[in-house]
């Protein structure tokens, strides 16, 4: 597993703006940084004699406000391809404190519920200084991506809370070849959600890349 964390990632994150909803390449750069950090944590855990899952790691650094990593399981093979979902969002400018608290509460519940799904490897969340988040979820198998939306907690977050909390979301689906970010992250598709104050139903657009968008380290 690669533990490379180039300074260029830190600079990009420090200067990152989420004003645009069409920045897939920049998103992939940050997701690659998250994957590298997770790879280092996973490698450290593998060297320990006894590990209790889920394993939580909390980090703070000057270029972001907060980074939480939850390791649910170790890959069964260091050579297996690892599917991932990357979540990038812009929250609304004016938010009721109640909805902020509800989103925080449901996040804590979801993190623990995900431990019941055997095909989840890890869940990494990085909060920027402006309060917006990057999330990266890695799966042991491609069909693992279908299990998360099926939970009642996730459905409540997606259909009840998200329209009141977010301006937009972009959801990236891709693959980490052989599970090592040093091989580059491959982006297969992106789903764009745009929310409106007048309706709980977002506009949804899906983009499939004719050729995988690849971020090389």
Protein backbone atom coordinates (compact mmCIF):
# COMPACT_ATOMS: atom_id res chain seq x y z
CA UNK A 1 0.00 0.00 0.00
CA UNK A 2 1.25 3.48 -0.87
CA UNK A 3 1.75 6.06 1.85
CA UNK A 4 2.86 8.83 -0.49
CA UNK A 5 1.31 12.19 0.37
CA UNK A 6 2.75 14.83 -1.98
CA UNK A 7 2.87 18.45 -0.84
CA UNK A 8 0.89 19.32 -3.96
CA UNK A 9 -2.16 17.61 -2.41
CA UNK A 10 -1.84 19.76 0.70
CA UNK A 11 -1.54 22.94 -1.38
CA UNK A 12 -4.58 22.03 -3.46
CA UNK A 13 -6.69 21.28 -0.40
CA UNK A 14 -5.61 24.51 1.30
CA UNK A 15 -6.67 26.58 -1.73
CA UNK A 16 -9.62 24.45 -2.77
CA UNK A 17 -12.86 26.16 -3.69
CA UNK A 18 -16.12 24.28 -4.01
CA UNK A 19 -17.89 27.12 -5.80
CA UNK A 20 -18.17 25.09 -9.00
CA UNK A 21 -20.16 21.87 -9.30
CA UNK A 22 -18.14 20.65 -12.32
CA UNK A 23 -14.68 20.08 -10.87
CA UNK A 24 -14.26 16.32 -11.20
CA UNK A 25 -10.51 16.49 -11.82
CA UNK A 26 -9.88 18.53 -8.65
CA UNK A 27 -12.19 16.21 -6.73
CA UNK A 28 -10.21 13.20 -7.90
CA UNK A 29 -6.97 14.82 -6.75
CA UNK A 30 -8.32 15.26 -3.23
CA UNK A 31 -9.85 11.77 -3.21
CA UNK A 32 -6.43 10.43 -4.20
CA UNK A 33 -4.95 12.21 -1.20
CA UNK A 34 -7.58 10.63 1.05
CA UNK A 35 -6.88 7.20 -0.44
CA UNK A 36 -3.17 7.63 0.29
CA UNK A 37 -3.84 8.55 3.91
CA UNK A 38 -6.19 5.57 4.31
CA UNK A 39 -3.61 3.26 2.73
CA UNK A 40 -1.03 4.36 5.30
CA UNK A 41 -3.45 3.84 8.19
CA UNK A 42 -4.48 0.41 6.84
CA UNK A 43 -0.83 -0.63 6.55
CA UNK A 44 -0.14 0.49 10.14
CA UNK A 45 -3.13 -1.48 11.42
CA UNK A 46 -2.03 -4.61 9.53
CA UNK A 47 1.19 -4.62 11.58
CA UNK A 48 -0.69 -4.71 14.87
CA UNK A 49 -1.24 -8.06 16.57
CA UNK A 50 -4.82 -7.42 17.66
CA UNK A 51 -7.25 -5.01 16.04
CA UNK A 52 -10.86 -4.36 17.04
CA UNK A 53 -13.05 -3.19 14.15
CA UNK A 54 -14.33 -0.65 13.39
CA UNK A 55 -11.02 1.13 14.00
CA UNK A 56 -11.26 4.93 14.29
CA UNK A 57 -8.52 7.46 13.48
CA UNK A 58 -8.92 11.22 13.92
CA UNK A 59 -6.49 13.74 12.42
CA UNK A 60 -6.14 17.51 12.25
CA UNK A 61 -3.79 19.53 10.03
CA UNK A 62 -3.29 23.09 8.84
CA UNK A 63 -4.65 22.41 5.35
CA UNK A 64 -8.00 21.09 6.53
CA UNK A 65 -10.11 21.27 9.64
CA UNK A 66 -10.78 17.65 10.46
CA UNK A 67 -10.24 14.15 9.07
CA UNK A 68 -11.91 11.00 10.37
CA UNK A 69 -11.00 7.55 9.08
CA UNK A 70 -13.00 4.45 9.95
CA UNK A 71 -11.45 1.10 9.02
CA UNK A 72 -14.05 -1.68 8.88
CA UNK A 73 -11.90 -4.48 7.49
CA UNK A 74 -8.57 -5.24 5.85
CA UNK A 75 -8.60 -6.19 2.14
CA UNK A 76 -8.54 -9.95 1.64
CA UNK A 77 -5.74 -9.47 -0.89
CA UNK A 78 -3.27 -6.66 -1.50
CA UNK A 79 -3.70 -7.22 -5.24
CA UNK A 80 -7.48 -6.87 -5.50
CA UNK A 81 -9.12 -3.95 -7.29
CA UNK A 82 -11.02 -1.75 -4.84
CA UNK A 83 -14.22 0.02 -5.93
CA UNK A 84 -14.81 3.41 -4.35
CA UNK A 85 -17.45 6.11 -4.05
CA UNK A 86 -16.37 9.70 -3.53
CA UNK A 87 -18.85 12.20 -2.10
CA UNK A 88 -18.27 15.96 -2.60
CA UNK A 89 -20.82 18.57 -1.63
CA UNK A 90 -21.57 22.25 -1.07
CA UNK A 91 -23.88 22.97 1.83
CA UNK A 92 -26.37 25.83 1.88
CA UNK A 93 -25.21 29.26 2.99
CA UNK A 94 -27.99 29.69 5.55
CA UNK A 95 -28.64 26.62 7.69
CA UNK A 96 -30.93 26.12 10.64
CA UNK A 97 -28.87 24.84 13.61
CA UNK A 98 -31.43 22.05 13.97
CA UNK A 99 -30.71 20.58 10.53
CA UNK A 100 -26.96 20.88 11.16
CA UNK A 101 -27.37 18.87 14.35
CA UNK A 102 -29.58 16.28 12.64
CA UNK A 103 -27.00 15.72 9.90
CA UNK A 104 -24.26 15.35 12.52
CA UNK A 105 -26.35 12.88 14.51
CA UNK A 106 -27.27 10.74 11.52
CA UNK A 107 -23.64 10.65 10.42
CA UNK A 108 -22.61 9.10 13.74
CA UNK A 109 -25.42 6.54 13.48
CA UNK A 110 -24.55 5.65 9.89
CA UNK A 111 -20.86 5.15 10.69
CA UNK A 112 -21.71 2.47 13.24
CA UNK A 113 -24.44 0.85 11.12
CA UNK A 114 -22.02 0.45 8.23
CA UNK A 115 -19.97 -1.91 10.40
CA UNK A 116 -22.70 -4.52 9.81
CA UNK A 117 -21.99 -4.60 6.07
CA UNK A 118 -19.17 -7.07 5.49
CA UNK A 119 -18.22 -5.64 2.09
CA UNK A 120 -17.14 -2.22 3.38
CA UNK A 121 -13.41 -1.66 3.83
CA UNK A 122 -13.25 1.92 5.08
CA UNK A 123 -14.94 5.32 5.26
CA UNK A 124 -12.86 8.49 5.20
CA UNK A 125 -14.30 11.98 5.83
CA UNK A 126 -12.34 15.21 5.54
CA UNK A 127 -13.91 18.52 6.52
CA UNK A 128 -12.53 21.71 5.01
CA UNK A 129 -12.27 24.95 6.97
CA UNK A 130 -15.45 26.25 5.31
CA UNK A 131 -17.46 23.35 6.76
CA UNK A 132 -17.83 21.38 3.54
CA UNK A 133 -16.80 17.73 3.29
CA UNK A 134 -15.02 15.22 1.09
CA UNK A 135 -15.95 11.59 1.75
CA UNK A 136 -14.33 8.46 0.34
CA UNK A 137 -15.81 4.98 0.83
CA UNK A 138 -13.96 1.86 -0.32
CA UNK A 139 -15.58 -1.53 -0.87
CA UNK A 140 -14.35 -5.11 -0.89
CA UNK A 141 -16.61 -5.98 -3.85
CA UNK A 142 -18.39 -3.98 -6.57
CA UNK A 143 -21.83 -5.00 -5.29
CA UNK A 144 -20.94 -3.50 -1.90
CA UNK A 145 -21.91 -0.09 -3.26
CA UNK A 146 -25.53 -1.18 -3.39
CA UNK A 147 -25.77 -2.03 0.30
CA UNK A 148 -25.34 1.48 1.71
CA UNK A 149 -28.27 3.19 -0.08
CA UNK A 150 -30.51 0.31 1.03
CA UNK A 151 -30.26 1.19 4.73
CA UNK A 152 -33.12 3.18 6.30
CA UNK A 153 -30.64 5.56 7.89
CA UNK A 154 -29.03 6.39 4.56
CA UNK A 155 -32.42 6.80 2.88
CA UNK A 156 -33.51 9.23 5.61
CA UNK A 157 -30.30 11.21 5.17
CA UNK A 158 -30.61 11.24 1.36
CA UNK A 159 -34.31 12.00 0.98
CA UNK A 160 -35.22 13.96 4.11
CA UNK A 161 -32.09 15.79 5.25
CA UNK A 162 -30.00 16.31 2.11
CA UNK A 163 -32.50 18.62 0.31
CA UNK A 164 -32.52 20.92 3.35
CA UNK A 165 -28.77 20.85 3.92
CA UNK A 166 -27.03 20.83 0.52
CA UNK A 167 -26.92 23.13 -2.49
CA UNK A 168 -25.41 20.38 -4.60
CA UNK A 169 -23.71 16.99 -4.38
CA UNK A 170 -21.50 15.17 -6.84
CA UNK A 171 -21.07 11.44 -6.35
CA UNK A 172 -18.07 9.83 -8.03
CA UNK A 173 -17.82 6.09 -8.76
CA UNK A 174 -14.48 4.56 -9.62
CA UNK A 175 -11.80 1.98 -8.96
CA UNK A 176 -8.42 1.80 -7.22
CA UNK A 177 -6.44 -0.75 -9.28
CA UNK A 178 -5.03 -3.49 -7.04
CA UNK A 179 -6.11 -1.40 -4.06
CA UNK A 180 -3.03 0.83 -4.23
CA UNK A 181 -3.43 4.60 -4.82
CA UNK A 182 0.08 4.56 -6.32
CA UNK A 183 -1.58 2.98 -9.38
CA UNK A 184 -3.84 6.01 -9.77
CA UNK A 185 -7.57 6.35 -9.11
CA UNK A 186 -9.85 5.64 -12.07
CA UNK A 187 -13.12 7.57 -12.25
CA UNK A 188 -15.88 5.76 -14.16
CA UNK A 189 -18.93 7.98 -13.64
CA UNK A 190 -20.24 10.99 -11.75
CA UNK A 191 -23.78 11.68 -10.61
CA UNK A 192 -24.66 15.35 -10.05
CA UNK A 193 -27.45 16.42 -7.68
CA UNK A 194 -28.66 20.03 -7.62
CA UNK A 195 -31.13 20.95 -4.87
CA UNK A 196 -33.75 23.71 -4.96
CA UNK A 197 -35.51 25.43 -2.08
CA UNK A 198 -38.90 25.09 -3.78
CA UNK A 199 -38.90 21.27 -4.01
CA UNK A 200 -37.32 18.33 -2.14
CA UNK A 201 -36.58 16.58 -5.44
CA UNK A 202 -33.15 17.45 -6.85
CA UNK A 203 -32.17 17.73 -10.47
CA UNK A 204 -30.05 14.67 -11.26
CA UNK A 205 -27.59 14.23 -14.08
CA UNK A 206 -25.25 11.28 -14.65
CA UNK A 207 -22.03 11.52 -16.61
CA UNK A 208 -20.28 8.35 -17.79
CA UNK A 209 -16.71 8.97 -18.90
CA UNK A 210 -16.03 7.54 -22.35
CA UNK A 211 -12.49 6.97 -21.13
CA UNK A 212 -11.87 6.63 -17.41
CA UNK A 213 -10.69 9.85 -15.81
CA UNK A 214 -7.46 8.80 -14.14
CA UNK A 215 -5.50 10.63 -11.45
CA UNK A 216 -1.91 9.46 -11.37
CA UNK A 217 0.15 10.10 -8.22
